[in-house]
Structure formats: C-alpha cells, structure tokens
Protein backbone atom coordinates (compact mmCIF):
# COMPACT_ATOMS: atom_id res chain seq x y z
CA MET A 1 32.00 44.76 263.89
CA SER A 2 29.00 44.81 266.10
CA ARG A 3 25.74 44.02 264.39
CA ARG A 4 24.77 41.93 261.43
CA THR A 5 21.28 41.66 260.06
CA SER A 6 20.19 39.55 257.17
CA ARG A 7 16.99 39.38 255.27
CA PRO A 8 15.06 36.32 256.39
CA GLY A 9 13.10 34.21 253.98
CA ARG A 10 15.38 34.72 250.99
CA PRO A 11 16.91 31.75 249.21
CA SER A 12 20.65 31.35 249.58
CA ALA A 13 22.68 33.16 246.97
CA PRO A 14 25.48 31.30 245.27
CA ARG A 15 28.80 31.93 247.01
CA THR A 16 30.91 34.03 244.69
CA ALA A 17 34.00 36.09 245.42
CA ASN A 18 34.17 39.86 244.97
CA PRO A 19 34.62 40.99 241.41
CA ARG A 20 38.23 42.00 240.82
CA ILE A 21 38.89 45.55 241.95
CA THR A 22 41.56 47.34 239.96
CA PRO A 23 42.97 50.89 240.15
CA ARG A 24 40.52 51.87 237.38
CA THR A 25 37.33 50.39 238.82
CA PRO A 26 35.03 52.58 240.93
CA CYS A 27 36.16 52.72 244.54
CA PRO A 28 34.06 50.44 246.75
CA CYS A 29 33.83 53.21 249.38
CA GLY A 30 31.15 54.95 247.32
CA LEU A 31 32.95 58.19 246.50
CA PRO A 32 32.94 59.18 242.80
CA ALA A 33 36.55 58.21 242.07
CA ALA A 34 38.45 55.19 240.84
CA TYR A 35 39.97 52.94 243.51
CA GLY A 36 43.50 53.94 242.43
CA GLU A 37 42.74 57.63 243.03
CA CYS A 38 40.71 57.08 246.19
CA CYS A 39 41.26 54.46 248.91
CA ALA A 40 44.25 52.72 247.30
CA ARG A 41 46.48 55.63 248.33
CA TYR A 42 45.69 54.92 251.98
CA HIS A 43 46.22 51.20 251.50
CA THR A 44 49.70 51.93 250.14
CA GLY A 45 50.81 54.25 252.95
CA ALA A 46 49.17 57.69 252.86
CA ALA A 47 47.53 58.72 256.12
CA ALA A 48 43.76 59.20 256.08
CA PRO A 49 43.07 62.88 256.90
CA THR A 50 39.73 62.30 258.66
CA CYS A 51 37.83 59.57 260.48
CA GLU A 52 35.42 59.30 257.59
CA ALA A 53 38.25 58.82 255.10
CA LEU A 54 39.69 56.10 257.33
CA MET A 55 36.28 54.44 257.69
CA ARG A 56 35.80 54.43 253.92
CA SER A 57 39.30 53.04 253.35
CA ARG A 58 38.76 50.32 255.96
CA TYR A 59 35.47 49.31 254.31
CA THR A 60 37.32 49.17 250.99
CA ALA A 61 40.03 47.05 252.62
CA PHE A 62 37.34 44.50 253.46
CA ALA A 63 36.20 44.61 249.83
CA VAL A 64 39.74 44.05 248.47
CA ARG A 65 40.60 41.71 251.36
CA ASP A 66 43.55 43.73 252.65
CA ALA A 67 43.81 42.33 256.19
CA GLY A 68 47.22 43.95 256.68
CA TYR A 69 45.77 47.43 256.22
CA LEU A 70 42.89 46.69 258.57
CA LEU A 71 45.32 45.55 261.27
CA ARG A 72 47.67 48.53 260.73
CA THR A 73 44.77 50.98 261.15
CA TRP A 74 43.39 49.29 264.29
CA HIS A 75 44.40 50.66 267.71
CA PRO A 76 46.96 48.30 269.28
CA ALA A 77 44.94 48.08 272.52
CA THR A 78 41.89 46.60 270.72
CA ARG A 79 43.45 45.02 267.60
CA PRO A 80 43.10 41.25 267.20
CA ALA A 81 46.26 39.21 266.61
CA VAL A 82 44.88 37.81 263.34
CA LEU A 83 42.09 38.84 261.01
CA ASP A 84 40.51 36.09 258.92
CA LEU A 85 38.53 37.58 256.00
CA ASP A 86 36.05 35.36 254.20
CA PRO A 87 37.05 35.41 250.52
CA LEU A 88 33.50 34.55 249.50
CA THR A 89 31.87 37.57 251.15
CA ARG A 90 31.17 40.32 248.62
CA TRP A 91 30.95 43.82 250.09
CA ASP A 92 28.28 45.59 248.04
CA ARG A 93 27.77 49.10 249.39
CA LEU A 94 28.68 51.51 252.17
CA GLU A 95 26.35 54.16 253.59
CA ILE A 96 27.82 56.82 255.86
CA LEU A 97 24.95 57.86 258.13
CA ALA A 98 26.65 60.32 260.49
CA THR A 99 30.02 61.61 261.63
CA THR A 100 31.14 63.51 264.72
CA GLU A 101 34.43 65.36 265.02
CA GLY A 102 37.25 63.38 263.37
CA THR A 103 38.96 66.19 261.44
CA ALA A 104 42.53 67.53 261.58
CA PHE A 105 41.44 69.63 264.59
CA HIS A 106 40.25 66.66 266.69
CA THR A 107 41.76 63.72 268.55
CA THR A 108 38.63 61.54 268.50
CA GLY A 109 35.68 61.03 266.22
CA THR A 110 32.90 58.65 265.28
CA VAL A 111 31.42 57.39 262.05
CA THR A 112 28.02 55.73 261.98
CA PHE A 113 27.52 53.57 258.91
CA ARG A 114 25.71 50.67 257.32
CA ALA A 115 27.75 48.22 255.26
CA HIS A 116 25.94 45.85 252.89
CA TRP A 117 27.29 42.45 251.86
CA THR A 118 26.28 39.24 250.16
CA ASP A 119 27.47 35.81 251.20
CA GLY A 120 26.28 32.20 251.02
CA ASP A 121 23.27 33.06 253.16
CA GLY A 122 22.24 35.93 250.90
CA PRO A 123 22.36 39.68 251.50
CA GLY A 124 22.95 41.24 254.87
CA SER A 125 24.06 44.43 256.50
CA LEU A 126 26.08 45.69 259.41
CA TYR A 127 25.07 48.82 261.33
CA GLU A 128 27.80 50.30 263.51
CA LYS A 129 29.00 53.48 265.19
CA SER A 130 32.79 53.23 265.02
CA ARG A 131 35.04 55.20 267.35
CA PHE A 132 38.36 56.51 266.03
CA VAL A 133 41.28 58.08 267.90
CA ARG A 134 44.64 59.55 267.02
CA HIS A 135 47.50 57.15 267.73
CA GLU A 136 51.06 58.25 267.03
CA GLY A 137 49.65 61.08 264.91
CA ALA A 138 47.40 58.95 262.67
CA TRP A 139 43.72 58.06 262.82
CA VAL A 140 43.04 54.48 263.90
CA TYR A 141 39.89 52.45 264.54
CA GLU A 142 39.46 51.90 268.27
CA THR A 143 36.14 50.16 268.83
CA ALA A 144 32.46 50.04 268.02
CA GLU A 145 30.23 52.11 270.28
CA SER A 146 26.80 50.98 271.32
CA THR A 147 24.15 52.22 268.89
CA ALA A 148 21.20 51.32 271.06
C-alpha cells in the first residue's frame, strides 16, 4: 500500500486487536450485509465479479487477517513471498472514492480508496489508487498507481 497518513498531536491509543468478526457481524467492507453473506464468500473461494468487489474483499481480508487470501488475489509478478499482518492494527472503515472499468467486460480497472485504521500510534489512513487486472480469468491486485 502506498501512502499512510496519521493525525499528528493525538495521544497514542491503546493497542487492541480487531473485534472478532463473525459471519453475522456487519461486513468490514462497508456494504449493508453481514460478513458471511458478503466478503466471506470470496475468502472461501468465489471469484469477485468486479474490481470493486475484489478491493472490498481485500480490505476485509486485512480486517480479518486473512493473509492467504491477500496473497492468492495478488498478481504473481508483484506479489510478495510473505505477508506479515500486524494483529494489533484495527481496520476501522473503507471509503471507495472512484472506480474505472473493472467489470465483466474489462480486463483492467482501478479503485481509488481511503482505508482508515487504528494502531498503537492512534488513527491513520491510507489513500491509494489500486490497479487490478485479469489473471487466469480472475481479478487480481496488480499494483498501486501514483495518485499525485
């Protein structure tokens, strides 16, 4: 992920793990559905139909700490060998700001978003324009594009 910004001058928040996410809790991706009816289906093998659906499910994978899913949905040319997720980072909210292409009729697409988190240093956010491509018929995250 490309950019992180935190709010200066705030006291450090206590480091606490994410609250337990179950199939019945609201999906962290922000859509009005329970996790079990929303992003969990992608985490358990269904293919995301659009770039935005993949972006939302990848954000949720950070929230539930599903490194395997993140690696499986990362293009092999840009995927890291290992992904170390901080268990004390709580992902609070996702804002989808823009999308381009990325439907069943496309082979590429982008999703611009802001992801909000809280960690031992307090709240912060990540602003990114992610690029997605079709790989072996499925959408995968390729890289972050410059947003400047």
